[in-house]
Amino acid sequence: MEIWINPDCSKCRSALSILDAEAADYTVRRYLDDPPSPDELRAVLARLGLEPWDITRTGEPIAAELGLGSWPRDPQARERWIDALAAHPILIQRPIITADDGHAVIGRTEQAVRDTLPG
């Protein structure tokens, strides 16, 4: 599995602690240093079963600067949102864990992180 983290985020550190305690096999992606492409975001959104606005951190200063609060949340605006997340990865909710079985979660709770573990 892979986990997208910001090392400064307490939820990310907590998720890593759970994975380590369970001896999970995972790779870390520091998504601020290695931003996902629009195609990677589309793939993760499909695995999450969410839309880009569902994983957007709208409280970030850049969100206000871009005016995200007024952007439509509809299929026609989907690519605009994805492009914004790719260009400004700080807007991506974290941590995102992609499990080996094909599903993904936003690992902000212990249960969500545990849901990615095999068996």
C-alpha atoms as a PDB file:
ATOM      1  CA  MET A   1       0.000   0.000   0.000  1.00  0.00           C
ATOM      2  CA  GLU A   2       0.969   3.624  -0.328  1.00  0.00           C
ATOM      3  CA  ILE A   3       0.246   6.496   2.034  1.00  0.00           C
ATOM      4  CA  TRP A   4       0.308  10.125   0.950  1.00  0.00           C
ATOM      5  CA  ILE A   5       1.490  12.250   3.844  1.00  0.00           C
ATOM      6  CA  ASN A   6       2.555  15.655   4.993  1.00  0.00           C
ATOM      7  CA  PRO A   7       5.084  14.934   7.776  1.00  0.00           C
ATOM      8  CA  ASP A   8       3.924  18.065   9.631  1.00  0.00           C
ATOM      9  CA  CYS A   9       0.384  16.652   9.930  1.00  0.00           C
ATOM     10  CA  SER A  10      -0.571  14.939  13.190  1.00  0.00           C
ATOM     11  CA  LYS A  11      -3.177  12.747  11.449  1.00  0.00           C
ATOM     12  CA  CYS A  12      -0.479  11.528   9.047  1.00  0.00           C
ATOM     13  CA  ARG A  13       1.903  10.740  11.894  1.00  0.00           C
ATOM     14  CA  SER A  14      -0.885   8.904  13.709  1.00  0.00           C
ATOM     15  CA  ALA A  15      -1.689   6.835  10.612  1.00  0.00           C
ATOM     16  CA  LEU A  16       1.981   5.916  10.213  1.00  0.00           C
ATOM     17  CA  SER A  17       2.120   4.844  13.870  1.00  0.00           C
ATOM     18  CA  ILE A  18      -0.856   2.531  13.368  1.00  0.00           C
ATOM     19  CA  LEU A  19       0.632   1.031  10.213  1.00  0.00           C
ATOM     20  CA  ASP A  20       3.974   0.524  11.964  1.00  0.00           C
ATOM     21  CA  ALA A  21       2.317  -1.058  15.017  1.00  0.00           C
ATOM     22  CA  GLU A  22       0.558  -3.512  12.695  1.00  0.00           C
ATOM     23  CA  ALA A  23       3.793  -4.193  10.763  1.00  0.00           C
ATOM     24  CA  ALA A  24       2.066  -3.152   7.549  1.00  0.00           C
ATOM     25  CA  ASP A  25       4.029  -3.099   4.325  1.00  0.00           C
ATOM     26  CA  TYR A  26       3.714   0.386   2.863  1.00  0.00           C
ATOM     27  CA  THR A  27       5.528   3.115   1.000  1.00  0.00           C
ATOM     28  CA  VAL A  28       5.386   6.784   1.905  1.00  0.00           C
ATOM     29  CA  ARG A  29       4.755   9.527  -0.589  1.00  0.00           C
ATOM     30  CA  ARG A  30       5.373  13.040   0.633  1.00  0.00           C
ATOM     31  CA  TYR A  31       2.838  14.480  -1.733  1.00  0.00           C
ATOM     32  CA  LEU A  32       3.901  18.098  -1.164  1.00  0.00           C
ATOM     33  CA  ASP A  33       7.386  17.213  -2.454  1.00  0.00           C
ATOM     34  CA  ASP A  34       6.113  14.744  -5.068  1.00  0.00           C
ATOM     35  CA  PRO A  35       2.689  16.066  -6.126  1.00  0.00           C
ATOM     36  CA  PRO A  36       0.278  13.694  -7.820  1.00  0.00           C
ATOM     37  CA  SER A  37      -0.514  14.292 -11.463  1.00  0.00           C
ATOM     38  CA  PRO A  38      -4.073  14.911 -12.618  1.00  0.00           C
ATOM     39  CA  ASP A  39      -4.198  11.281 -13.816  1.00  0.00           C
ATOM     40  CA  GLU A  40      -3.045  10.020 -10.399  1.00  0.00           C
ATOM     41  CA  LEU A  41      -5.674  12.173  -8.717  1.00  0.00           C
ATOM     42  CA  ARG A  42      -8.393  10.800 -10.999  1.00  0.00           C
ATOM     43  CA  ALA A  43      -7.285   7.254 -10.156  1.00  0.00           C
ATOM     44  CA  VAL A  44      -7.245   7.921  -6.403  1.00  0.00           C
ATOM     45  CA  LEU A  45     -10.637   9.629  -6.557  1.00  0.00           C
ATOM     46  CA  ALA A  46     -12.054   6.584  -8.344  1.00  0.00           C
ATOM     47  CA  ARG A  47     -10.614   4.312  -5.651  1.00  0.00           C
ATOM     48  CA  LEU A  48     -11.972   6.579  -2.908  1.00  0.00           C
ATOM     49  CA  GLY A  49     -15.372   6.868  -4.592  1.00  0.00           C
ATOM     50  CA  LEU A  50     -15.195  10.644  -4.071  1.00  0.00           C
ATOM     51  CA  GLU A  51     -15.129  13.834  -6.092  1.00  0.00           C
ATOM     52  CA  PRO A  52     -12.212  16.285  -6.005  1.00  0.00           C
ATOM     53  CA  TRP A  53     -14.106  18.811  -3.874  1.00  0.00           C
ATOM     54  CA  ASP A  54     -14.632  16.041  -1.305  1.00  0.00           C
ATOM     55  CA  ILE A  55     -10.874  15.815  -0.689  1.00  0.00           C
ATOM     56  CA  THR A  56     -10.125  19.537  -0.870  1.00  0.00           C
ATOM     57  CA  ARG A  57      -8.887  21.379   2.199  1.00  0.00           C
ATOM     58  CA  THR A  58     -10.964  24.514   1.716  1.00  0.00           C
ATOM     59  CA  GLY A  59      -9.556  26.200   4.827  1.00  0.00           C
ATOM     60  CA  GLU A  60      -6.102  26.616   3.307  1.00  0.00           C
ATOM     61  CA  PRO A  61      -5.116  30.192   2.366  1.00  0.00           C
ATOM     62  CA  ILE A  62      -4.610  29.193  -1.266  1.00  0.00           C
ATOM     63  CA  ALA A  63      -8.215  27.949  -1.370  1.00  0.00           C
ATOM     64  CA  ALA A  64      -9.419  31.445  -0.501  1.00  0.00           C
ATOM     65  CA  GLU A  65      -6.964  32.960  -2.956  1.00  0.00           C
ATOM     66  CA  LEU A  66      -8.345  30.731  -5.730  1.00  0.00           C
ATOM     67  CA  GLY A  67     -11.924  31.410  -4.681  1.00  0.00           C
ATOM     68  CA  LEU A  68     -12.730  27.698  -4.286  1.00  0.00           C
ATOM     69  CA  GLY A  69     -15.743  28.503  -2.145  1.00  0.00           C
ATOM     70  CA  SER A  70     -17.556  29.812  -5.199  1.00  0.00           C
ATOM     71  CA  TRP A  71     -16.528  27.041  -7.606  1.00  0.00           C
ATOM     72  CA  PRO A  72     -19.352  24.800  -8.782  1.00  0.00           C
ATOM     73  CA  ARG A  73     -19.318  21.223  -7.547  1.00  0.00           C
ATOM     74  CA  ASP A  74     -20.595  19.505 -10.634  1.00  0.00           C
ATOM     75  CA  PRO A  75     -19.291  17.255 -13.421  1.00  0.00           C
ATOM     76  CA  GLN A  76     -18.468  20.217 -15.656  1.00  0.00           C
ATOM     77  CA  ALA A  77     -16.161  21.707 -12.992  1.00  0.00           C
ATOM     78  CA  ARG A  78     -14.515  18.410 -12.006  1.00  0.00           C
ATOM     79  CA  GLU A  79     -11.366  18.880 -14.118  1.00  0.00           C
ATOM     80  CA  ARG A  80     -10.903  22.423 -12.830  1.00  0.00           C
ATOM     81  CA  TRP A  81     -10.859  21.046  -9.267  1.00  0.00           C
ATOM     82  CA  ILE A  82      -8.440  18.256 -10.207  1.00  0.00           C
ATOM     83  CA  ASP A  83      -6.106  20.746 -11.886  1.00  0.00           C
ATOM     84  CA  ALA A  84      -6.188  22.937  -8.762  1.00  0.00           C
ATOM     85  CA  LEU A  85      -5.294  19.976  -6.530  1.00  0.00           C
ATOM     86  CA  ALA A  86      -2.433  18.975  -8.829  1.00  0.00           C
ATOM     87  CA  ALA A  87      -1.104  22.537  -8.959  1.00  0.00           C
ATOM     88  CA  HIS A  88      -1.553  23.152  -5.212  1.00  0.00           C
ATOM     89  CA  PRO A  89      -1.142  19.797  -3.416  1.00  0.00           C
ATOM     90  CA  ILE A  90      -1.469  21.498  -0.005  1.00  0.00           C
ATOM     91  CA  LEU A  91      -5.191  21.479  -0.836  1.00  0.00           C
ATOM     92  CA  ILE A  92      -5.359  17.659  -0.785  1.00  0.00           C
ATOM     93  CA  GLN A  93      -6.890  16.100   2.314  1.00  0.00           C
ATOM     94  CA  ARG A  94      -4.497  13.791   4.126  1.00  0.00           C
ATOM     95  CA  PRO A  95      -3.423  11.149   4.687  1.00  0.00           C
ATOM     96  CA  ILE A  96      -4.662   9.165   1.717  1.00  0.00           C
ATOM     97  CA  ILE A  97      -3.946   5.453   1.872  1.00  0.00           C
ATOM     98  CA  THR A  98      -4.251   3.274  -1.205  1.00  0.00           C
ATOM     99  CA  ALA A  99      -4.616  -0.363  -0.199  1.00  0.00           C
ATOM    100  CA  ASP A 100      -3.279  -3.318  -2.114  1.00  0.00           C
ATOM    101  CA  ASP A 101      -6.808  -4.651  -2.663  1.00  0.00           C
ATOM    102  CA  GLY A 102      -7.682  -1.600  -4.788  1.00  0.00           C
ATOM    103  CA  HIS A 103      -9.629   0.562  -2.365  1.00  0.00           C
ATOM    104  CA  ALA A 104      -8.445   3.757  -0.754  1.00  0.00           C
ATOM    105  CA  VAL A 105      -9.322   5.795   2.321  1.00  0.00           C
ATOM    106  CA  ILE A 106      -8.660   9.168   3.807  1.00  0.00           C
ATOM    107  CA  GLY A 107      -6.982   7.933   6.972  1.00  0.00           C
ATOM    108  CA  ARG A 108      -8.040  10.619   9.420  1.00  0.00           C
ATOM    109  CA  THR A 109      -9.415   8.106  11.935  1.00  0.00           C
ATOM    110  CA  GLU A 110      -7.893   4.978  13.419  1.00  0.00           C
ATOM    111  CA  GLN A 111     -10.706   2.880  11.945  1.00  0.00           C
ATOM    112  CA  ALA A 112     -10.151   4.265   8.442  1.00  0.00           C
ATOM    113  CA  VAL A 113      -6.446   3.363   8.655  1.00  0.00           C
ATOM    114  CA  ARG A 114      -7.267  -0.112   9.982  1.00  0.00           C
ATOM    115  CA  ASP A 115      -9.706  -0.626   7.096  1.00  0.00           C
ATOM    116  CA  THR A 116      -6.735  -0.662   4.721  1.00  0.00           C
ATOM    117  CA  LEU A 117      -5.005  -3.521   6.513  1.00  0.00           C
ATOM    118  CA  PRO A 118      -5.278  -6.996   5.014  1.00  0.00           C
ATOM    119  CA  GLY A 119      -7.420  -9.635   6.658  1.00  0.00           C
END
